[in-house]
Structure formats: C-alpha cells, structure tokens
C-alpha cells in the first residue's frame, strides 16, 4: 500500500506542475495573440459600416470578449 500512495502522490504532483506550466504558457502566449486579433476585427467591423451610419448599441466591455447588453459602464474603461 505505501507504494501505491507514493505513485498516486507523484502522479498528482506531476499533474499539478504540468497544469501550472501550461496555464502560464497559455496566459503569456495565447491571450496576447487573441487581444491583437481583436484590434483587427474591430477595425474590419468599423470599415464594413455604410457611409454616414453610426453604430448604436450597448457598450462593450473591452476586458471581456462577451458582449453584455445590461452593462452601462466598464471598469476597464475607468482606468
């Protein structure tokens, strides 16, 4: 039984370490890439509007990629 506990503990510890490394790699690799692509998407959406047409609608929180229609002010915009 002590061998099983040792193996289970080692596997859990290795899983936690790998999970932490992958999370950090995703945060510093993927998140900035997505944020850069948002700039191009917004630019393309603005250019797609007809001349003289102003975009109206609920504000969009720039810190959250999901549009929320009930939000009146974004805490990211206040910074």
PDB file of N, CA and C in Angstrom:
ATOM      1  N   UNK A   1       0.809  -1.208   0.000  1.00  0.00           N
ATOM      2  CA  UNK A   1       0.000   0.000   0.000  1.00  0.00           C
ATOM      3  C   UNK A   1       0.855   1.278   0.000  1.00  0.00           C
ATOM      4  N   UNK A   2       1.996   1.307   0.663  1.00  0.00           N
ATOM      5  CA  UNK A   2       2.816   2.520   0.632  1.00  0.00           C
ATOM      6  C   UNK A   2       3.320   2.847  -0.780  1.00  0.00           C
ATOM      7  N   UNK A   3       3.535   1.811  -1.600  1.00  0.00           N
ATOM      8  CA  UNK A   3       3.995   2.047  -2.968  1.00  0.00           C
ATOM      9  C   UNK A   3       2.895   2.735  -3.771  1.00  0.00           C
ATOM     10  N   UNK A   4       1.643   2.291  -3.590  1.00  0.00           N
ATOM     11  CA  UNK A   4       0.516   2.906  -4.300  1.00  0.00           C
ATOM     12  C   UNK A   4       0.358   4.376  -3.906  1.00  0.00           C
ATOM     13  N   UNK A   5       0.481   4.677  -2.624  1.00  0.00           N
ATOM     14  CA  UNK A   5       0.374   6.067  -2.155  1.00  0.00           C
ATOM     15  C   UNK A   5       1.480   6.924  -2.763  1.00  0.00           C
ATOM     16  N   UNK A   6       2.662   6.359  -2.833  1.00  0.00           N
ATOM     17  CA  UNK A   6       3.784   7.094  -3.415  1.00  0.00           C
ATOM     18  C   UNK A   6       3.540   7.376  -4.902  1.00  0.00           C
ATOM     19  N   UNK A   7       3.052   6.389  -5.629  1.00  0.00           N
ATOM     20  CA  UNK A   7       2.769   6.561  -7.060  1.00  0.00           C
ATOM     21  C   UNK A   7       1.638   7.567  -7.263  1.00  0.00           C
ATOM     22  N   UNK A   8       0.570   7.459  -6.474  1.00  0.00           N
ATOM     23  CA  UNK A   8      -0.569   8.371  -6.601  1.00  0.00           C
ATOM     24  C   UNK A   8      -0.146   9.807  -6.271  1.00  0.00           C
ATOM     25  N   UNK A   9       0.647   9.976  -5.223  1.00  0.00           N
ATOM     26  CA  UNK A   9       1.117  11.308  -4.852  1.00  0.00           C
ATOM     27  C   UNK A   9       2.012  11.894  -5.942  1.00  0.00           C
ATOM     28  N   UNK A  10       2.901  11.080  -6.475  1.00  0.00           N
ATOM     29  CA  UNK A  10       3.793  11.546  -7.549  1.00  0.00           C
ATOM     30  C   UNK A  10       3.000  11.941  -8.793  1.00  0.00           C
ATOM     31  N   UNK A  11       1.994  11.162  -9.150  1.00  0.00           N
ATOM     32  CA  UNK A  11       1.170  11.467 -10.324  1.00  0.00           C
ATOM     33  C   UNK A  11       0.380  12.756 -10.110  1.00  0.00           C
ATOM     34  N   UNK A  12      -0.177  12.936  -8.919  1.00  0.00           N
ATOM     35  CA  UNK A  12      -0.934  14.157  -8.633  1.00  0.00           C
ATOM     36  C   UNK A  12      -0.022  15.382  -8.651  1.00  0.00           C
ATOM     37  N   UNK A  13       1.138  15.260  -8.078  1.00  0.00           N
ATOM     38  CA  UNK A  13       2.089  16.372  -8.054  1.00  0.00           C
ATOM     39  C   UNK A  13       2.553  16.727  -9.468  1.00  0.00           C
ATOM     40  N   UNK A  14       2.846  15.705 -10.278  1.00  0.00           N
ATOM     41  CA  UNK A  14       3.257  15.954 -11.661  1.00  0.00           C
ATOM     42  C   UNK A  14       2.126  16.615 -12.447  1.00  0.00           C
ATOM     43  N   UNK A  15       0.900  16.181 -12.235  1.00  0.00           N
ATOM     44  CA  UNK A  15      -0.245  16.780 -12.920  1.00  0.00           C
ATOM     45  C   UNK A  15      -0.428  18.243 -12.549  1.00  0.00           C
ATOM     46  N   UNK A  16      -0.280  18.565 -11.283  1.00  0.00           N
ATOM     47  CA  UNK A  16      -0.399  19.958 -10.848  1.00  0.00           C
ATOM     48  C   UNK A  16       0.708  20.827 -11.444  1.00  0.00           C
ATOM     49  N   UNK A  17       1.925  20.289 -11.485  1.00  0.00           N
ATOM     50  CA  UNK A  17       3.035  21.065 -12.029  1.00  0.00           C
ATOM     51  C   UNK A  17       2.864  21.315 -13.525  1.00  0.00           C
ATOM     52  N   UNK A  18       2.481  20.285 -14.255  1.00  0.00           N
ATOM     53  CA  UNK A  18       2.277  20.445 -15.696  1.00  0.00           C
ATOM     54  C   UNK A  18       1.108  21.385 -15.961  1.00  0.00           C
ATOM     55  N   UNK A  19       0.042  21.276 -15.175  1.00  0.00           N
ATOM     56  CA  UNK A  19      -1.105  22.173 -15.337  1.00  0.00           C
ATOM     57  C   UNK A  19      -0.724  23.625 -15.109  1.00  0.00           C
ATOM     58  N   UNK A  20       0.113  23.874 -14.117  1.00  0.00           N
ATOM     59  CA  UNK A  20       0.559  25.244 -13.842  1.00  0.00           C
ATOM     60  C   UNK A  20       1.424  25.779 -14.982  1.00  0.00           C
ATOM     61  N   UNK A  21       2.315  24.959 -15.502  1.00  0.00           N
ATOM     62  CA  UNK A  21       3.183  25.390 -16.601  1.00  0.00           C
ATOM     63  C   UNK A  21       2.358  25.689 -17.856  1.00  0.00           C
ATOM     64  N   UNK A  22       1.404  24.831 -18.176  1.00  0.00           N
ATOM     65  CA  UNK A  22       0.573  25.034 -19.361  1.00  0.00           C
ATOM     66  C   UNK A  22      -0.293  26.283 -19.197  1.00  0.00           C
ATOM     67  N   UNK A  23      -0.805  26.523 -17.998  1.00  0.00           N
ATOM     68  CA  UNK A  23      -1.620  27.724 -17.762  1.00  0.00           C
ATOM     69  C   UNK A  23      -0.811  28.995 -17.963  1.00  0.00           C
ATOM     70  N   UNK A  24       0.408  29.010 -17.467  1.00  0.00           N
ATOM     71  CA  UNK A  24       1.278  30.183 -17.636  1.00  0.00           C
ATOM     72  C   UNK A  24       1.625  30.373 -19.112  1.00  0.00           C
ATOM     73  N   UNK A  25       1.918  29.275 -19.798  1.00  0.00           N
ATOM     74  CA  UNK A  25       2.257  29.368 -21.226  1.00  0.00           C
ATOM     75  C   UNK A  25       1.064  29.896 -22.024  1.00  0.00           C
ATOM     76  N   UNK A  26      -0.124  29.456 -21.693  1.00  0.00           N
ATOM     77  CA  UNK A  26      -1.312  29.940 -22.400  1.00  0.00           C
ATOM     78  C   UNK A  26      -1.548  31.415 -22.097  1.00  0.00           C
ATOM     79  N   UNK A  27      -1.360  31.819 -20.854  1.00  0.00           N
ATOM     80  CA  UNK A  27      -1.593  33.204 -20.482  1.00  0.00           C
ATOM     81  C   UNK A  27      -0.660  34.146 -21.234  1.00  0.00           C
ATOM     82  N   UNK A  28       0.611  33.782 -21.334  1.00  0.00           N
ATOM     83  CA  UNK A  28       1.576  34.662 -21.987  1.00  0.00           C
ATOM     84  C   UNK A  28       1.664  34.458 -23.496  1.00  0.00           C
ATOM     85  N   UNK A  29       1.136  33.367 -24.015  1.00  0.00           N
ATOM     86  CA  UNK A  29       1.206  33.099 -25.449  1.00  0.00           C
ATOM     87  C   UNK A  29      -0.089  33.342 -26.186  1.00  0.00           C
ATOM     88  N   UNK A  30      -1.162  32.769 -25.693  1.00  0.00           N
ATOM     89  CA  UNK A  30      -2.432  32.811 -26.406  1.00  0.00           C
ATOM     90  C   UNK A  30      -3.207  34.100 -26.148  1.00  0.00           C
ATOM     91  N   UNK A  31      -3.266  34.539 -24.926  1.00  0.00           N
ATOM     92  CA  UNK A  31      -4.067  35.720 -24.585  1.00  0.00           C
ATOM     93  C   UNK A  31      -3.609  36.969 -25.351  1.00  0.00           C
ATOM     94  N   UNK A  32      -2.316  37.286 -25.423  1.00  0.00           N
ATOM     95  CA  UNK A  32      -1.913  38.456 -26.212  1.00  0.00           C
ATOM     96  C   UNK A  32      -2.245  38.310 -27.697  1.00  0.00           C
ATOM     97  N   UNK A  33      -2.158  37.102 -28.215  1.00  0.00           N
ATOM     98  CA  UNK A  33      -2.495  36.865 -29.618  1.00  0.00           C
ATOM     99  C   UNK A  33      -3.972  37.150 -29.876  1.00  0.00           C
ATOM    100  N   UNK A  34      -4.829  36.724 -28.982  1.00  0.00           N
ATOM    101  CA  UNK A  34      -6.264  36.985 -29.118  1.00  0.00           C
ATOM    102  C   UNK A  34      -6.541  38.475 -29.000  1.00  0.00           C
ATOM    103  N   UNK A  35      -5.876  39.164 -28.088  1.00  0.00           N
ATOM    104  CA  UNK A  35      -6.091  40.599 -27.927  1.00  0.00           C
ATOM    105  C   UNK A  35      -5.642  41.372 -29.162  1.00  0.00           C
ATOM    106  N   UNK A  36      -4.556  40.948 -29.809  1.00  0.00           N
ATOM    107  CA  UNK A  36      -4.119  41.600 -31.043  1.00  0.00           C
ATOM    108  C   UNK A  36      -5.126  41.377 -32.156  1.00  0.00           C
ATOM    109  N   UNK A  37      -5.703  40.198 -32.213  1.00  0.00           N
ATOM    110  CA  UNK A  37      -6.678  39.919 -33.273  1.00  0.00           C
ATOM    111  C   UNK A  37      -7.955  40.724 -33.073  1.00  0.00           C
ATOM    112  N   UNK A  38      -8.296  41.048 -31.849  1.00  0.00           N
ATOM    113  CA  UNK A  38      -9.480  41.868 -31.580  1.00  0.00           C
ATOM    114  C   UNK A  38      -9.349  43.239 -32.238  1.00  0.00           C
ATOM    115  N   UNK A  39      -8.154  43.784 -32.280  1.00  0.00           N
ATOM    116  CA  UNK A  39      -7.928  45.090 -32.913  1.00  0.00           C
ATOM    117  C   UNK A  39      -8.297  45.022 -34.387  1.00  0.00           C
ATOM    118  N   UNK A  40      -7.848  43.969 -35.058  1.00  0.00           N
ATOM    119  CA  UNK A  40      -8.139  43.828 -36.488  1.00  0.00           C
ATOM    120  C   UNK A  40      -9.617  43.558 -36.735  1.00  0.00           C
ATOM    121  N   UNK A  41     -10.244  42.791 -35.865  1.00  0.00           N
ATOM    122  CA  UNK A  41     -11.667  42.510 -36.023  1.00  0.00           C
ATOM    123  C   UNK A  41     -12.498  43.782 -35.853  1.00  0.00           C
ATOM    124  N   UNK A  42     -12.157  44.593 -34.873  1.00  0.00           N
ATOM    125  CA  UNK A  42     -12.900  45.845 -34.665  1.00  0.00           C
ATOM    126  C   UNK A  42     -12.692  46.799 -35.836  1.00  0.00           C
ATOM    127  N   UNK A  43     -11.465  46.853 -36.352  1.00  0.00           N
ATOM    128  CA  UNK A  43     -11.184  47.723 -37.491  1.00  0.00           C
ATOM    129  C   UNK A  43     -11.978  47.270 -38.712  1.00  0.00           C
ATOM    130  N   UNK A  44     -12.027  45.984 -38.961  1.00  0.00           N
ATOM    131  CA  UNK A  44     -12.782  45.454 -40.097  1.00  0.00           C
ATOM    132  C   UNK A  44     -14.274  45.697 -39.923  1.00  0.00           C
ATOM    133  N   UNK A  45     -14.770  45.580 -38.714  1.00  0.00           N
ATOM    134  CA  UNK A  45     -16.192  45.819 -38.465  1.00  0.00           C
ATOM    135  C   UNK A  45     -16.528  47.294 -38.668  1.00  0.00           C
ATOM    136  N   UNK A  46     -15.643  48.191 -38.272  1.00  0.00           N
ATOM    137  CA  UNK A  46     -15.885  49.620 -38.449  1.00  0.00           C
ATOM    138  C   UNK A  46     -15.856  49.999 -39.926  1.00  0.00           C
ATOM    139  N   UNK A  47     -14.969  49.374 -40.693  1.00  0.00           N
ATOM    140  CA  UNK A  47     -14.892  49.670 -42.124  1.00  0.00           C
ATOM    141  C   UNK A  47     -16.070  49.087 -42.889  1.00  0.00           C
ATOM    142  N   UNK A  48     -16.730  48.080 -42.337  1.00  0.00           N
ATOM    143  CA  UNK A  48     -17.849  47.436 -43.015  1.00  0.00           C
ATOM    144  C   UNK A  48     -19.150  48.236 -42.898  1.00  0.00           C
ATOM    145  N   UNK A  49     -19.170  49.246 -42.013  1.00  0.00           N
ATOM    146  CA  UNK A  49     -20.384  50.045 -41.848  1.00  0.00           C
ATOM    147  C   UNK A  49     -20.589  50.946 -43.067  1.00  0.00           C
ATOM    148  N   UNK A  50     -21.837  51.138 -43.493  1.00  0.00           N
ATOM    149  CA  UNK A  50     -22.106  52.058 -44.608  1.00  0.00           C
ATOM    150  C   UNK A  50     -21.750  53.497 -44.242  1.00  0.00           C
ATOM    151  N   UNK A  51     -21.473  54.320 -45.239  1.00  0.00           N
ATOM    152  CA  UNK A  51     -21.121  55.716 -45.011  1.00  0.00           C
ATOM    153  C   UNK A  51     -22.266  56.449 -44.333  1.00  0.00           C
ATOM    154  N   UNK A  52     -21.945  57.257 -43.334  1.00  0.00           N
ATOM    155  CA  UNK A  52     -22.959  58.031 -42.637  1.00  0.00           C
ATOM    156  C   UNK A  52     -23.708  57.244 -41.580  1.00  0.00           C
ATOM    157  N   UNK A  53     -23.370  56.007 -41.403  1.00  0.00           N
ATOM    158  CA  UNK A  53     -24.065  55.176 -40.421  1.00  0.00           C
ATOM    159  C   UNK A  53     -23.226  55.096 -39.159  1.00  0.00           C
ATOM    160  N   UNK A  54     -23.807  55.512 -38.045  1.00  0.00           N
ATOM    161  CA  UNK A  54     -23.114  55.419 -36.772  1.00  0.00           C
ATOM    162  C   UNK A  54     -23.599  54.179 -36.044  1.00  0.00           C
ATOM    163  N   UNK A  55     -22.667  53.486 -35.470  1.00  0.00           N
ATOM    164  CA  UNK A  55     -23.024  52.267 -34.769  1.00  0.00           C
ATOM    165  C   UNK A  55     -23.627  52.633 -33.417  1.00  0.00           C
ATOM    166  N   UNK A  56     -24.836  52.175 -33.161  1.00  0.00           N
ATOM    167  CA  UNK A  56     -25.506  52.423 -31.892  1.00  0.00           C
ATOM    168  C   UNK A  56     -25.716  51.082 -31.205  1.00  0.00           C
ATOM    169  N   UNK A  57     -25.764  51.118 -29.914  1.00  0.00           N
ATOM    170  CA  UNK A  57     -25.992  49.875 -29.187  1.00  0.00           C
ATOM    171  C   UNK A  57     -25.400  49.958 -27.804  1.00  0.00           C
ATOM    172  N   UNK A  58     -25.475  48.863 -27.131  1.00  0.00           N
ATOM    173  CA  UNK A  58     -24.971  48.806 -25.772  1.00  0.00           C
ATOM    174  C   UNK A  58     -23.445  48.845 -25.789  1.00  0.00           C
ATOM    175  N   UNK A  59     -22.847  49.441 -24.751  1.00  0.00           N
ATOM    176  CA  UNK A  59     -21.382  49.463 -24.694  1.00  0.00           C
ATOM    177  C   UNK A  59     -20.822  48.055 -24.525  1.00  0.00           C
ATOM    178  N   UNK A  60     -19.625  47.877 -25.000  1.00  0.00           N
ATOM    179  CA  UNK A  60     -18.968  46.578 -24.922  1.00  0.00           C
ATOM    180  C   UNK A  60     -17.788  46.697 -23.975  1.00  0.00           C
ATOM    181  N   UNK A  61     -17.712  45.803 -23.037  1.00  0.00           N
ATOM    182  CA  UNK A  61     -16.592  45.769 -22.101  1.00  0.00           C
ATOM    183  C   UNK A  61     -15.374  45.230 -22.832  1.00  0.00           C
ATOM    184  N   UNK A  62     -14.289  46.003 -22.887  1.00  0.00           N
ATOM    185  CA  UNK A  62     -13.108  45.566 -23.631  1.00  0.00           C
ATOM    186  C   UNK A  62     -12.315  44.514 -22.878  1.00  0.00           C
ATOM    187  N   UNK A  63     -12.545  44.352 -21.602  1.00  0.00           N
ATOM    188  CA  UNK A  63     -11.832  43.350 -20.834  1.00  0.00           C
ATOM    189  C   UNK A  63     -12.470  41.979 -20.915  1.00  0.00           C
ATOM    190  N   UNK A  64     -13.648  41.904 -21.493  1.00  0.00           N
ATOM    191  CA  UNK A  64     -14.383  40.649 -21.581  1.00  0.00           C
ATOM    192  C   UNK A  64     -14.818  40.456 -23.026  1.00  0.00           C
ATOM    193  N   UNK A  65     -14.453  39.334 -23.666  1.00  0.00           N
ATOM    194  CA  UNK A  65     -14.801  39.157 -25.071  1.00  0.00           C
ATOM    195  C   UNK A  65     -16.292  38.911 -25.317  1.00  0.00           C
ATOM    196  N   UNK A  66     -17.091  38.771 -24.265  1.00  0.00           N
ATOM    197  CA  UNK A  66     -18.519  38.514 -24.415  1.00  0.00           C
ATOM    198  C   UNK A  66     -19.271  39.829 -24.300  1.00  0.00           C
ATOM    199  N   UNK A  67     -20.151  40.111 -25.253  1.00  0.00           N
ATOM    200  CA  UNK A  67     -20.938  41.333 -25.206  1.00  0.00           C
ATOM    201  C   UNK A  67     -22.061  41.170 -24.185  1.00  0.00           C
ATOM    202  N   UNK A  68     -22.176  42.138 -23.295  1.00  0.00           N
ATOM    203  CA  UNK A  68     -23.205  42.117 -22.267  1.00  0.00           C
ATOM    204  C   UNK A  68     -24.050  43.366 -22.454  1.00  0.00           C
ATOM    205  N   UNK A  69     -25.320  43.194 -22.789  1.00  0.00           N
ATOM    206  CA  UNK A  69     -26.179  44.333 -23.095  1.00  0.00           C
ATOM    207  C   UNK A  69     -26.643  45.099 -21.860  1.00  0.00           C
ATOM    208  N   UNK A  70     -26.570  44.480 -20.684  1.00  0.00           N
ATOM    209  CA  UNK A  70     -27.051  45.151 -19.477  1.00  0.00           C
ATOM    210  C   UNK A  70     -25.980  46.013 -18.809  1.00  0.00           C
ATOM    211  N   UNK A  71     -24.773  46.010 -19.296  1.00  0.00           N
ATOM    212  CA  UNK A  71     -23.682  46.765 -18.690  1.00  0.00           C
ATOM    213  C   UNK A  71     -23.756  48.214 -19.148  1.00  0.00           C
ATOM    214  N   UNK A  72     -23.678  49.129 -18.201  1.00  0.00           N
ATOM    215  CA  UNK A  72     -23.729  50.551 -18.561  1.00  0.00           C
ATOM    216  C   UNK A  72     -22.344  51.180 -18.516  1.00  0.00           C
ATOM    217  N   UNK A  73     -21.451  50.611 -17.722  1.00  0.00           N
ATOM    218  CA  UNK A  73     -20.099  51.173 -17.645  1.00  0.00           C
ATOM    219  C   UNK A  73     -19.117  50.037 -17.393  1.00  0.00           C
ATOM    220  N   UNK A  74     -18.012  50.078 -18.069  1.00  0.00           N
ATOM    221  CA  UNK A  74     -16.995  49.048 -17.916  1.00  0.00           C
ATOM    222  C   UNK A  74     -15.938  49.513 -16.931  1.00  0.00           C
ATOM    223  N   UNK A  75     -15.568  48.679 -15.962  1.00  0.00           N
ATOM    224  CA  UNK A  75     -14.497  49.077 -15.036  1.00  0.00           C
ATOM    225  C   UNK A  75     -13.154  49.225 -15.731  1.00  0.00           C
ATOM    226  N   UNK A  76     -12.947  48.544 -16.861  1.00  0.00           N
ATOM    227  CA  UNK A  76     -11.689  48.673 -17.602  1.00  0.00           C
ATOM    228  C   UNK A  76     -11.575  50.055 -18.238  1.00  0.00           C
ATOM    229  N   UNK A  77     -12.694  50.662 -18.644  1.00  0.00           N
ATOM    230  CA  UNK A  77     -12.662  51.961 -19.276  1.00  0.00           C
ATOM    231  C   UNK A  77     -12.372  53.080 -18.283  1.00  0.00           C
ATOM    232  N   UNK A  78     -12.631  52.818 -16.992  1.00  0.00           N
ATOM    233  CA  UNK A  78     -12.405  53.834 -15.969  1.00  0.00           C
ATOM    234  C   UNK A  78     -10.928  53.968 -15.615  1.00  0.00           C
ATOM    235  N   UNK A  79     -10.113  53.002 -16.012  1.00  0.00           N
ATOM    236  CA  UNK A  79      -8.684  53.033 -15.653  1.00  0.00           C
ATOM    237  C   UNK A  79      -7.926  54.067 -16.442  1.00  0.00           C
TER     238      UNK A  79
END
